[in-house]
Amino acid sequence: MKIVKKVCAFRGALVLLVASMAALALSEGEQVQDEKDARPEQVVYGEALYREHCAACHGVSEEGEVRTAAALVGEHNPLRVYGNAQILYNYVSLTMPFDKPGALEPEEYWAVLAFMLDVHGLLPEGLELSAENAEGVALRREE
């Protein structure tokens, strides 16, 4: 009888432990989602567009991916060669996506660029990237 009580107590403790771990995992997942949701709407939209139209060639990170084009997100910053966001927009909107250049709407290109700049810490806080302000957005960090 003592063994049965101990097994039942152990099962109860195990169930409680598993439930606690599941609750913790859910709350951490919600916290990550809350942090993502705190990003500007243009950046969130740009990430979705990037994943749909760009990631197949450029990837979503620099870790272990097979890409057919330069990585655009991650630690390496290939964007700096364009000088400012307007020059980058001019290039991207005329040449990308590679299989359908010019296929996106202007606001979609701006959103993708906002996402890429945000990833590299180059998008000024609170700025919605557009033709009106892009020349003033440098693609290099001041060191």
N, C-alpha and C. Protein backbone atom coordinates (compact mmCIF):
# COMPACT_ATOMS: atom_id res chain seq x y z
N MET A 1 0.82 -1.19 0.00
CA MET A 1 0.00 0.00 0.00
C MET A 1 0.86 1.25 0.00
N LYS A 2 2.00 1.21 0.74
CA LYS A 2 2.89 2.37 0.78
C LYS A 2 3.44 2.67 -0.61
N ILE A 3 3.76 1.63 -1.36
CA ILE A 3 4.31 1.82 -2.70
C ILE A 3 3.28 2.47 -3.61
N VAL A 4 2.04 2.04 -3.53
CA VAL A 4 0.97 2.60 -4.34
C VAL A 4 0.80 4.09 -4.03
N LYS A 5 0.84 4.45 -2.75
CA LYS A 5 0.71 5.86 -2.36
C LYS A 5 1.88 6.67 -2.91
N LYS A 6 3.08 6.10 -2.83
CA LYS A 6 4.26 6.81 -3.34
C LYS A 6 4.19 7.00 -4.85
N VAL A 7 3.74 5.96 -5.57
CA VAL A 7 3.59 6.05 -7.02
C VAL A 7 2.55 7.10 -7.37
N CYS A 8 1.44 7.11 -6.66
CA CYS A 8 0.39 8.12 -6.91
C CYS A 8 0.91 9.53 -6.62
N ALA A 9 1.65 9.67 -5.55
CA ALA A 9 2.21 10.98 -5.21
C ALA A 9 3.22 11.41 -6.27
N PHE A 10 4.03 10.45 -6.72
CA PHE A 10 5.02 10.76 -7.77
C PHE A 10 4.32 11.18 -9.06
N ARG A 11 3.29 10.44 -9.45
CA ARG A 11 2.53 10.80 -10.66
C ARG A 11 1.93 12.20 -10.54
N GLY A 12 1.37 12.48 -9.39
CA GLY A 12 0.78 13.80 -9.16
C GLY A 12 1.82 14.90 -9.29
N ALA A 13 3.00 14.67 -8.69
CA ALA A 13 4.08 15.65 -8.77
C ALA A 13 4.56 15.81 -10.21
N LEU A 14 4.64 14.69 -10.93
CA LEU A 14 5.07 14.72 -12.33
C LEU A 14 4.08 15.50 -13.19
N VAL A 15 2.80 15.25 -13.00
CA VAL A 15 1.76 15.99 -13.74
C VAL A 15 1.87 17.48 -13.45
N LEU A 16 2.05 17.83 -12.19
CA LEU A 16 2.19 19.24 -11.80
C LEU A 16 3.42 19.86 -12.44
N LEU A 17 4.54 19.14 -12.46
CA LEU A 17 5.76 19.63 -13.07
C LEU A 17 5.58 19.85 -14.56
N VAL A 18 5.00 18.90 -15.27
CA VAL A 18 4.77 19.03 -16.71
C VAL A 18 3.84 20.20 -17.01
N ALA A 19 2.78 20.34 -16.23
CA ALA A 19 1.84 21.45 -16.43
C ALA A 19 2.54 22.80 -16.19
N SER A 20 3.39 22.86 -15.18
CA SER A 20 4.12 24.10 -14.89
C SER A 20 5.07 24.45 -16.03
N MET A 21 5.77 23.43 -16.54
CA MET A 21 6.70 23.68 -17.65
C MET A 21 5.96 24.13 -18.90
N ALA A 22 4.81 23.54 -19.18
CA ALA A 22 4.01 23.93 -20.33
C ALA A 22 3.53 25.37 -20.19
N ALA A 23 3.09 25.74 -19.01
CA ALA A 23 2.63 27.11 -18.77
C ALA A 23 3.78 28.10 -18.94
N LEU A 24 4.96 27.74 -18.45
CA LEU A 24 6.13 28.60 -18.60
C LEU A 24 6.49 28.77 -20.07
N ALA A 25 6.48 27.69 -20.83
CA ALA A 25 6.81 27.75 -22.26
C ALA A 25 5.81 28.64 -22.99
N LEU A 26 4.53 28.51 -22.67
CA LEU A 26 3.52 29.34 -23.30
C LEU A 26 3.72 30.81 -22.98
N SER A 27 4.03 31.13 -21.74
CA SER A 27 4.20 32.53 -21.36
C SER A 27 5.44 33.11 -22.03
N GLU A 28 6.52 32.32 -22.16
CA GLU A 28 7.71 32.81 -22.86
C GLU A 28 7.40 33.03 -24.33
N GLY A 29 6.63 32.13 -24.94
CA GLY A 29 6.23 32.29 -26.35
C GLY A 29 5.40 33.53 -26.55
N GLU A 30 4.50 33.80 -25.61
CA GLU A 30 3.67 35.01 -25.69
C GLU A 30 4.54 36.25 -25.55
N GLN A 31 5.57 36.19 -24.69
CA GLN A 31 6.45 37.34 -24.50
C GLN A 31 7.21 37.63 -25.79
N VAL A 32 7.72 36.60 -26.46
CA VAL A 32 8.43 36.78 -27.73
C VAL A 32 7.46 37.37 -28.76
N GLN A 33 6.22 36.85 -28.82
CA GLN A 33 5.24 37.37 -29.76
C GLN A 33 4.91 38.83 -29.43
N ASP A 34 4.79 39.16 -28.13
CA ASP A 34 4.51 40.55 -27.75
C ASP A 34 5.63 41.47 -28.20
N GLU A 35 6.90 41.01 -28.07
CA GLU A 35 8.03 41.82 -28.51
C GLU A 35 7.97 42.02 -30.02
N LYS A 36 7.63 40.98 -30.77
CA LYS A 36 7.51 41.10 -32.23
C LYS A 36 6.38 42.07 -32.58
N ASP A 37 5.25 41.95 -31.87
CA ASP A 37 4.10 42.79 -32.16
C ASP A 37 4.37 44.25 -31.82
N ALA A 38 5.38 44.52 -30.98
CA ALA A 38 5.71 45.89 -30.60
C ALA A 38 6.44 46.62 -31.73
N ARG A 39 6.88 45.87 -32.73
CA ARG A 39 7.58 46.51 -33.86
C ARG A 39 6.57 47.31 -34.68
N PRO A 40 7.07 48.33 -35.39
CA PRO A 40 6.16 49.12 -36.24
C PRO A 40 5.45 48.24 -37.26
N GLU A 41 4.22 48.60 -37.58
CA GLU A 41 3.40 47.83 -38.52
C GLU A 41 4.11 47.64 -39.86
N GLN A 42 4.80 48.68 -40.35
CA GLN A 42 5.49 48.58 -41.63
C GLN A 42 6.58 47.50 -41.58
N VAL A 43 7.27 47.39 -40.46
CA VAL A 43 8.34 46.39 -40.31
C VAL A 43 7.75 44.99 -40.26
N VAL A 44 6.66 44.81 -39.54
CA VAL A 44 6.00 43.50 -39.45
C VAL A 44 5.51 43.07 -40.84
N TYR A 45 4.88 44.00 -41.56
CA TYR A 45 4.41 43.72 -42.92
C TYR A 45 5.59 43.41 -43.83
N GLY A 46 6.67 44.16 -43.68
CA GLY A 46 7.86 43.94 -44.49
C GLY A 46 8.48 42.58 -44.26
N GLU A 47 8.46 42.12 -43.00
CA GLU A 47 9.00 40.79 -42.72
C GLU A 47 8.19 39.72 -43.44
N ALA A 48 6.88 39.84 -43.41
CA ALA A 48 6.02 38.86 -44.10
C ALA A 48 6.30 38.87 -45.60
N LEU A 49 6.43 40.06 -46.17
CA LEU A 49 6.73 40.17 -47.60
C LEU A 49 8.11 39.61 -47.92
N TYR A 50 9.08 39.91 -47.06
CA TYR A 50 10.43 39.40 -47.24
C TYR A 50 10.42 37.87 -47.27
N ARG A 51 9.73 37.28 -46.30
CA ARG A 51 9.68 35.82 -46.24
C ARG A 51 9.00 35.25 -47.50
N GLU A 52 8.00 35.95 -48.02
CA GLU A 52 7.26 35.47 -49.20
C GLU A 52 8.04 35.68 -50.50
N HIS A 53 8.68 36.84 -50.66
CA HIS A 53 9.27 37.19 -51.95
C HIS A 53 10.79 37.16 -52.01
N CYS A 54 11.47 37.19 -50.87
CA CYS A 54 12.93 37.35 -50.88
C CYS A 54 13.69 36.17 -50.27
N ALA A 55 13.10 35.57 -49.26
CA ALA A 55 13.82 34.56 -48.47
C ALA A 55 14.23 33.33 -49.28
N ALA A 56 13.50 33.00 -50.31
CA ALA A 56 13.85 31.82 -51.11
C ALA A 56 15.27 31.95 -51.68
N CYS A 57 15.67 33.14 -52.05
CA CYS A 57 17.02 33.37 -52.58
C CYS A 57 17.97 33.91 -51.52
N HIS A 58 17.51 34.86 -50.71
CA HIS A 58 18.38 35.57 -49.77
C HIS A 58 18.42 34.96 -48.37
N GLY A 59 17.50 34.05 -48.05
CA GLY A 59 17.48 33.42 -46.75
C GLY A 59 16.89 34.33 -45.68
N VAL A 60 16.72 33.78 -44.48
CA VAL A 60 16.18 34.55 -43.36
C VAL A 60 17.21 34.77 -42.28
N SER A 61 18.36 34.12 -42.37
CA SER A 61 19.46 34.36 -41.44
C SER A 61 20.73 33.88 -42.13
N GLU A 62 21.84 34.02 -41.45
CA GLU A 62 23.09 33.59 -42.05
C GLU A 62 23.53 32.22 -41.55
N GLU A 63 22.69 31.55 -40.79
CA GLU A 63 23.09 30.30 -40.15
C GLU A 63 22.66 29.08 -40.95
N GLY A 64 23.60 28.46 -41.65
CA GLY A 64 23.39 27.17 -42.27
C GLY A 64 22.38 27.11 -43.40
N GLU A 65 22.09 28.20 -44.03
CA GLU A 65 21.12 28.18 -45.11
C GLU A 65 21.81 28.09 -46.46
N VAL A 66 21.14 27.46 -47.40
CA VAL A 66 21.63 27.44 -48.76
C VAL A 66 20.92 28.58 -49.47
N ARG A 67 21.71 29.51 -49.99
CA ARG A 67 21.14 30.67 -50.66
C ARG A 67 21.68 30.74 -52.08
N THR A 68 20.93 31.37 -52.96
CA THR A 68 21.41 31.60 -54.32
C THR A 68 21.80 33.06 -54.51
N ALA A 69 21.63 33.87 -53.46
CA ALA A 69 21.96 35.29 -53.51
C ALA A 69 22.52 35.71 -52.15
N ALA A 70 23.05 36.92 -52.09
CA ALA A 70 23.65 37.43 -50.85
C ALA A 70 22.64 37.44 -49.71
N ALA A 71 23.12 37.13 -48.51
CA ALA A 71 22.28 37.23 -47.31
C ALA A 71 22.00 38.69 -47.03
N LEU A 72 20.75 39.01 -46.78
CA LEU A 72 20.37 40.40 -46.51
C LEU A 72 20.05 40.65 -45.06
N VAL A 73 19.82 39.60 -44.31
CA VAL A 73 19.57 39.74 -42.88
C VAL A 73 20.58 38.89 -42.13
N GLY A 74 20.90 39.31 -40.93
CA GLY A 74 21.92 38.64 -40.14
C GLY A 74 22.97 39.65 -39.74
N GLU A 75 24.11 39.18 -39.28
CA GLU A 75 25.14 40.10 -38.79
C GLU A 75 25.82 40.88 -39.90
N HIS A 76 26.03 40.25 -41.03
CA HIS A 76 26.68 40.93 -42.16
C HIS A 76 25.71 41.96 -42.73
N ASN A 77 26.21 43.14 -43.10
CA ASN A 77 25.35 44.19 -43.63
C ASN A 77 25.76 44.55 -45.06
N PRO A 78 25.18 43.88 -46.06
CA PRO A 78 25.52 44.20 -47.43
C PRO A 78 24.84 45.47 -47.94
N LEU A 79 23.95 46.05 -47.13
CA LEU A 79 23.17 47.21 -47.57
C LEU A 79 23.99 48.49 -47.62
N ARG A 80 25.06 48.56 -46.84
CA ARG A 80 25.81 49.82 -46.69
C ARG A 80 26.38 50.36 -48.00
N VAL A 81 26.59 49.49 -48.97
CA VAL A 81 27.17 49.95 -50.24
C VAL A 81 26.23 50.88 -51.01
N TYR A 82 24.95 50.89 -50.65
CA TYR A 82 23.99 51.73 -51.36
C TYR A 82 23.92 53.15 -50.81
N GLY A 83 24.52 53.41 -49.67
CA GLY A 83 24.58 54.78 -49.14
C GLY A 83 23.36 55.20 -48.36
N ASN A 84 22.21 55.25 -49.02
CA ASN A 84 20.99 55.62 -48.30
C ASN A 84 19.81 54.78 -48.80
N ALA A 85 18.71 54.85 -48.09
CA ALA A 85 17.56 54.00 -48.38
C ALA A 85 16.93 54.29 -49.73
N GLN A 86 17.03 55.53 -50.22
CA GLN A 86 16.45 55.84 -51.53
C GLN A 86 17.21 55.14 -52.66
N ILE A 87 18.53 55.13 -52.57
CA ILE A 87 19.34 54.45 -53.59
C ILE A 87 19.04 52.95 -53.56
N LEU A 88 18.94 52.40 -52.36
CA LEU A 88 18.61 50.98 -52.22
C LEU A 88 17.22 50.70 -52.81
N TYR A 89 16.25 51.55 -52.52
CA TYR A 89 14.90 51.39 -53.07
C TYR A 89 14.95 51.40 -54.60
N ASN A 90 15.68 52.35 -55.16
CA ASN A 90 15.76 52.44 -56.62
C ASN A 90 16.26 51.13 -57.23
N TYR A 91 17.29 50.57 -56.62
CA TYR A 91 17.85 49.31 -57.12
C TYR A 91 16.86 48.15 -56.94
N VAL A 92 16.36 48.00 -55.72
CA VAL A 92 15.50 46.85 -55.40
C VAL A 92 14.21 46.89 -56.20
N SER A 93 13.59 48.05 -56.32
CA SER A 93 12.30 48.14 -57.00
C SER A 93 12.42 47.88 -58.51
N LEU A 94 13.60 48.06 -59.06
CA LEU A 94 13.80 47.80 -60.50
C LEU A 94 14.29 46.38 -60.79
N THR A 95 14.89 45.72 -59.80
CA THR A 95 15.54 44.44 -60.08
C THR A 95 15.01 43.25 -59.28
N MET A 96 14.16 43.47 -58.31
CA MET A 96 13.71 42.38 -57.45
C MET A 96 12.19 42.29 -57.42
N PRO A 97 11.65 41.14 -57.12
CA PRO A 97 12.30 39.85 -56.99
C PRO A 97 12.96 39.45 -58.31
N PHE A 98 14.00 38.65 -58.21
CA PHE A 98 14.81 38.31 -59.38
C PHE A 98 13.96 37.72 -60.51
N ASP A 99 13.00 36.88 -60.15
CA ASP A 99 12.17 36.23 -61.17
C ASP A 99 11.02 37.10 -61.68
N LYS A 100 10.72 38.22 -60.98
CA LYS A 100 9.63 39.13 -61.38
C LYS A 100 9.98 40.56 -60.98
N PRO A 101 11.02 41.15 -61.57
CA PRO A 101 11.40 42.51 -61.16
C PRO A 101 10.23 43.49 -61.25
N GLY A 102 10.10 44.32 -60.22
CA GLY A 102 9.06 45.34 -60.20
C GLY A 102 7.68 44.81 -59.86
N ALA A 103 7.57 43.56 -59.42
CA ALA A 103 6.26 42.94 -59.19
C ALA A 103 5.53 43.46 -57.96
N LEU A 104 6.25 44.04 -57.01
CA LEU A 104 5.61 44.53 -55.79
C LEU A 104 5.13 45.97 -55.98
N GLU A 105 4.19 46.35 -55.16
CA GLU A 105 3.72 47.74 -55.13
C GLU A 105 4.76 48.59 -54.40
N PRO A 106 4.84 49.90 -54.68
CA PRO A 106 5.83 50.74 -53.99
C PRO A 106 5.80 50.60 -52.47
N GLU A 107 4.60 50.60 -51.86
CA GLU A 107 4.53 50.49 -50.40
C GLU A 107 5.04 49.14 -49.91
N GLU A 108 4.94 48.11 -50.75
CA GLU A 108 5.47 46.80 -50.38
C GLU A 108 7.00 46.81 -50.40
N TYR A 109 7.59 47.46 -51.41
CA TYR A 109 9.05 47.60 -51.43
C TYR A 109 9.53 48.39 -50.21
N TRP A 110 8.83 49.47 -49.87
CA TRP A 110 9.22 50.26 -48.70
C TRP A 110 9.14 49.42 -47.43
N ALA A 111 8.11 48.58 -47.33
CA ALA A 111 7.95 47.74 -46.14
C ALA A 111 9.09 46.72 -46.04
N VAL A 112 9.45 46.08 -47.15
CA VAL A 112 10.55 45.12 -47.15
C VAL A 112 11.84 45.82 -46.73
N LEU A 113 12.08 46.99 -47.28
CA LEU A 113 13.30 47.74 -46.91
C LEU A 113 13.27 48.15 -45.44
N ALA A 114 12.10 48.55 -44.94
CA ALA A 114 11.99 48.91 -43.52
C ALA A 114 12.35 47.70 -42.65
N PHE A 115 11.88 46.53 -43.02
CA PHE A 115 12.22 45.32 -42.28
C PHE A 115 13.73 45.08 -42.31
N MET A 116 14.34 45.15 -43.48
CA MET A 116 15.78 44.90 -43.59
C MET A 116 16.58 45.93 -42.79
N LEU A 117 16.19 47.19 -42.86
CA LEU A 117 16.89 48.22 -42.09
C LEU A 117 16.70 48.00 -40.59
N ASP A 118 15.51 47.60 -40.20
CA ASP A 118 15.24 47.34 -38.79
C ASP A 118 16.12 46.19 -38.28
N VAL A 119 16.27 45.16 -39.06
CA VAL A 119 17.11 44.02 -38.67
C VAL A 119 18.55 44.48 -38.40
N HIS A 120 19.02 45.43 -39.19
CA HIS A 120 20.40 45.92 -39.05
C HIS A 120 20.52 47.11 -38.10
N GLY A 121 19.40 47.50 -37.48
CA GLY A 121 19.44 48.63 -36.55
C GLY A 121 19.62 49.97 -37.24
N LEU A 122 19.21 50.05 -38.50
CA LEU A 122 19.40 51.27 -39.29
C LEU A 122 18.13 52.07 -39.49
N LEU A 123 16.99 51.55 -39.08
CA LEU A 123 15.73 52.26 -39.24
C LEU A 123 15.52 53.16 -38.03
N PRO A 124 15.49 54.48 -38.23
CA PRO A 124 15.27 55.37 -37.08
C PRO A 124 13.94 55.04 -36.39
N GLU A 125 13.97 55.07 -35.07
CA GLU A 125 12.79 54.73 -34.28
C GLU A 125 11.61 55.63 -34.65
N GLY A 126 10.47 55.01 -34.85
CA GLY A 126 9.24 55.74 -35.14
C GLY A 126 9.09 56.20 -36.58
N LEU A 127 10.06 55.89 -37.44
CA LEU A 127 10.01 56.35 -38.83
C LEU A 127 9.31 55.33 -39.71
N GLU A 128 8.34 55.78 -40.49
CA GLU A 128 7.77 54.94 -41.54
C GLU A 128 8.51 55.30 -42.82
N LEU A 129 9.26 54.36 -43.33
CA LEU A 129 10.12 54.59 -44.48
C LEU A 129 9.29 54.88 -45.72
N SER A 130 9.70 55.93 -46.47
CA SER A 130 8.97 56.32 -47.69
C SER A 130 9.89 57.16 -48.57
N ALA A 131 9.39 57.50 -49.74
CA ALA A 131 10.16 58.34 -50.68
C ALA A 131 10.44 59.71 -50.08
N GLU A 132 9.59 60.17 -49.17
CA GLU A 132 9.76 61.50 -48.57
C GLU A 132 10.94 61.57 -47.60
N ASN A 133 11.35 60.44 -47.03
CA ASN A 133 12.41 60.50 -46.02
C ASN A 133 13.60 59.58 -46.30
N ALA A 134 13.53 58.78 -47.35
CA ALA A 134 14.53 57.74 -47.59
C ALA A 134 15.94 58.27 -47.83
N GLU A 135 16.07 59.43 -48.48
CA GLU A 135 17.42 59.97 -48.72
C GLU A 135 18.14 60.29 -47.42
N GLY A 136 17.40 60.58 -46.39
CA GLY A 136 18.01 60.92 -45.10
C GLY A 136 18.30 59.71 -44.21
N VAL A 137 18.00 58.52 -44.69
CA VAL A 137 18.24 57.31 -43.90
C VAL A 137 19.51 56.64 -44.40
N ALA A 138 20.59 56.84 -43.64
CA ALA A 138 21.89 56.28 -44.01
C ALA A 138 21.90 54.78 -43.77
N LEU A 139 22.63 54.07 -44.60
CA LEU A 139 22.71 52.63 -44.48
C LEU A 139 24.00 52.17 -43.79
N ARG A 140 24.63 53.10 -43.09
CA ARG A 140 25.82 52.79 -42.31
C ARG A 140 25.63 53.36 -40.92
N ARG A 141 26.06 52.62 -39.95
CA ARG A 141 26.02 53.12 -38.59
C ARG A 141 27.18 54.05 -38.36
N GLU A 142 26.91 55.12 -37.63
CA GLU A 142 27.99 56.02 -37.24
C GLU A 142 28.78 55.33 -36.15
N GLU A 143 30.06 55.11 -36.35
CA GLU A 143 30.88 54.38 -35.37
C GLU A 143 31.58 55.36 -34.47
